[in-house]
Amino acid sequence: MVAKLALVMLTLAVVLLAAVLGAYRYFSQQERHRHEKEMFRERRDAALLDDDRSALDRELDRDREQEQRRDRDRE
């Protein structure tokens, strides 16, 4: 009787351990996936901001050149 109870308790412990390890692995993978997704978004946003800055810089450079031409023409 005691041996059966010990065997049942051992089996239950093994099942519980497997469930805990499975849950840990699942949530670890979920966190890794979430982190990779977040890093992808940050890289994408940084690239978009760089493109926007480049476009704005080109526009500002054109405006400065036009102002310099106007100043030269006035002189």
C-alpha atoms as a PDB file:
ATOM      1  CA  MET A   1       0.000   0.000   0.000  1.00  0.00           C
ATOM      2  CA  VAL A   2       2.753   2.429   0.951  1.00  0.00           C
ATOM      3  CA  ALA A   3       4.720   1.427  -2.149  1.00  0.00           C
ATOM      4  CA  LYS A   4       1.722   2.217  -4.372  1.00  0.00           C
ATOM      5  CA  LEU A   5       1.303   5.599  -2.680  1.00  0.00           C
ATOM      6  CA  ALA A   6       5.014   6.336  -3.121  1.00  0.00           C
ATOM      7  CA  LEU A   7       4.832   5.333  -6.780  1.00  0.00           C
ATOM      8  CA  VAL A   8       1.780   7.549  -7.342  1.00  0.00           C
ATOM      9  CA  MET A   9       3.487  10.474  -5.567  1.00  0.00           C
ATOM     10  CA  LEU A  10       6.658   9.960  -7.621  1.00  0.00           C
ATOM     11  CA  THR A  11       4.643   9.819 -10.843  1.00  0.00           C
ATOM     12  CA  LEU A  12       2.771  12.963  -9.844  1.00  0.00           C
ATOM     13  CA  ALA A  13       6.051  14.716  -9.065  1.00  0.00           C
ATOM     14  CA  VAL A  14       7.489  13.750 -12.454  1.00  0.00           C
ATOM     15  CA  VAL A  15       4.355  14.952 -14.257  1.00  0.00           C
ATOM     16  CA  LEU A  16       4.403  18.215 -12.300  1.00  0.00           C
ATOM     17  CA  LEU A  17       8.104  18.699 -13.054  1.00  0.00           C
ATOM     18  CA  ALA A  18       7.468  18.082 -16.759  1.00  0.00           C
ATOM     19  CA  ALA A  19       4.604  20.602 -16.717  1.00  0.00           C
ATOM     20  CA  VAL A  20       6.745  23.246 -15.000  1.00  0.00           C
ATOM     21  CA  LEU A  21       9.654  22.706 -17.397  1.00  0.00           C
ATOM     22  CA  GLY A  22       7.297  22.806 -20.374  1.00  0.00           C
ATOM     23  CA  ALA A  23       5.717  26.036 -19.158  1.00  0.00           C
ATOM     24  CA  TYR A  24       9.142  27.573 -18.554  1.00  0.00           C
ATOM     25  CA  ARG A  25      10.283  26.633 -22.056  1.00  0.00           C
ATOM     26  CA  TYR A  26       7.064  27.920 -23.620  1.00  0.00           C
ATOM     27  CA  PHE A  27       7.203  31.298 -21.871  1.00  0.00           C
ATOM     28  CA  SER A  28      10.930  31.594 -22.555  1.00  0.00           C
ATOM     29  CA  GLN A  29      10.322  31.117 -26.269  1.00  0.00           C
ATOM     30  CA  GLN A  30       7.430  33.575 -26.172  1.00  0.00           C
ATOM     31  CA  GLU A  31       9.648  36.186 -24.516  1.00  0.00           C
ATOM     32  CA  ARG A  32      12.438  35.603 -27.030  1.00  0.00           C
ATOM     33  CA  HIS A  33       9.974  35.949 -29.901  1.00  0.00           C
ATOM     34  CA  ARG A  34       8.521  39.138 -28.422  1.00  0.00           C
ATOM     35  CA  HIS A  35      12.015  40.578 -27.963  1.00  0.00           C
ATOM     36  CA  GLU A  36      13.012  39.755 -31.553  1.00  0.00           C
ATOM     37  CA  LYS A  37       9.808  41.341 -32.825  1.00  0.00           C
ATOM     38  CA  GLU A  38      10.463  44.467 -30.765  1.00  0.00           C
ATOM     39  CA  MET A  39      14.048  44.694 -32.028  1.00  0.00           C
ATOM     40  CA  PHE A  40      12.825  44.321 -35.620  1.00  0.00           C
ATOM     41  CA  ARG A  41      10.372  47.179 -35.082  1.00  0.00           C
ATOM     42  CA  GLU A  42      13.084  49.370 -33.558  1.00  0.00           C
ATOM     43  CA  ARG A  43      15.426  48.716 -36.491  1.00  0.00           C
ATOM     44  CA  ARG A  44      12.615  49.412 -38.960  1.00  0.00           C
ATOM     45  CA  ASP A  45      11.649  52.634 -37.178  1.00  0.00           C
ATOM     46  CA  ALA A  46      15.278  53.761 -37.022  1.00  0.00           C
ATOM     47  CA  ALA A  47      15.666  53.153 -40.756  1.00  0.00           C
ATOM     48  CA  LEU A  48      12.491  55.121 -41.462  1.00  0.00           C
ATOM     49  CA  LEU A  49      13.670  57.988 -39.277  1.00  0.00           C
ATOM     50  CA  ASP A  50      17.041  58.014 -41.041  1.00  0.00           C
ATOM     51  CA  ASP A  51      15.283  58.179 -44.403  1.00  0.00           C
ATOM     52  CA  ASP A  52      13.052  60.998 -43.156  1.00  0.00           C
ATOM     53  CA  ARG A  53      16.040  62.901 -41.796  1.00  0.00           C
ATOM     54  CA  SER A  54      17.899  62.439 -45.058  1.00  0.00           C
ATOM     55  CA  ALA A  55      14.946  63.787 -47.014  1.00  0.00           C
ATOM     56  CA  LEU A  56      14.601  66.730 -44.635  1.00  0.00           C
ATOM     57  CA  ASP A  57      18.327  67.434 -44.799  1.00  0.00           C
ATOM     58  CA  ARG A  58      18.223  67.429 -48.602  1.00  0.00           C
ATOM     59  CA  GLU A  59      15.275  69.795 -48.551  1.00  0.00           C
ATOM     60  CA  LEU A  60      17.015  72.116 -46.097  1.00  0.00           C
ATOM     61  CA  ASP A  61      20.171  72.046 -48.222  1.00  0.00           C
ATOM     62  CA  ARG A  62      18.139  72.988 -51.303  1.00  0.00           C
ATOM     63  CA  ASP A  63      16.514  75.841 -49.410  1.00  0.00           C
ATOM     64  CA  ARG A  64      19.912  77.113 -48.237  1.00  0.00           C
ATOM     65  CA  GLU A  65      21.314  76.935 -51.759  1.00  0.00           C
ATOM     66  CA  GLN A  66      18.331  78.857 -53.099  1.00  0.00           C
ATOM     67  CA  GLU A  67      18.775  81.517 -50.426  1.00  0.00           C
ATOM     68  CA  GLN A  68      22.475  81.801 -51.239  1.00  0.00           C
ATOM     69  CA  ARG A  69      21.662  82.177 -54.945  1.00  0.00           C
ATOM     70  CA  ARG A  70      19.131  84.894 -54.147  1.00  0.00           C
ATOM     71  CA  ASP A  71      21.682  86.684 -51.993  1.00  0.00           C
ATOM     72  CA  ARG A  72      24.271  86.499 -54.812  1.00  0.00           C
ATOM     73  CA  ASP A  73      21.740  87.758 -57.349  1.00  0.00           C
ATOM     74  CA  ARG A  74      20.884  90.740 -55.138  1.00  0.00           C
ATOM     75  CA  GLU A  75      24.527  91.751 -54.874  1.00  0.00           C
END
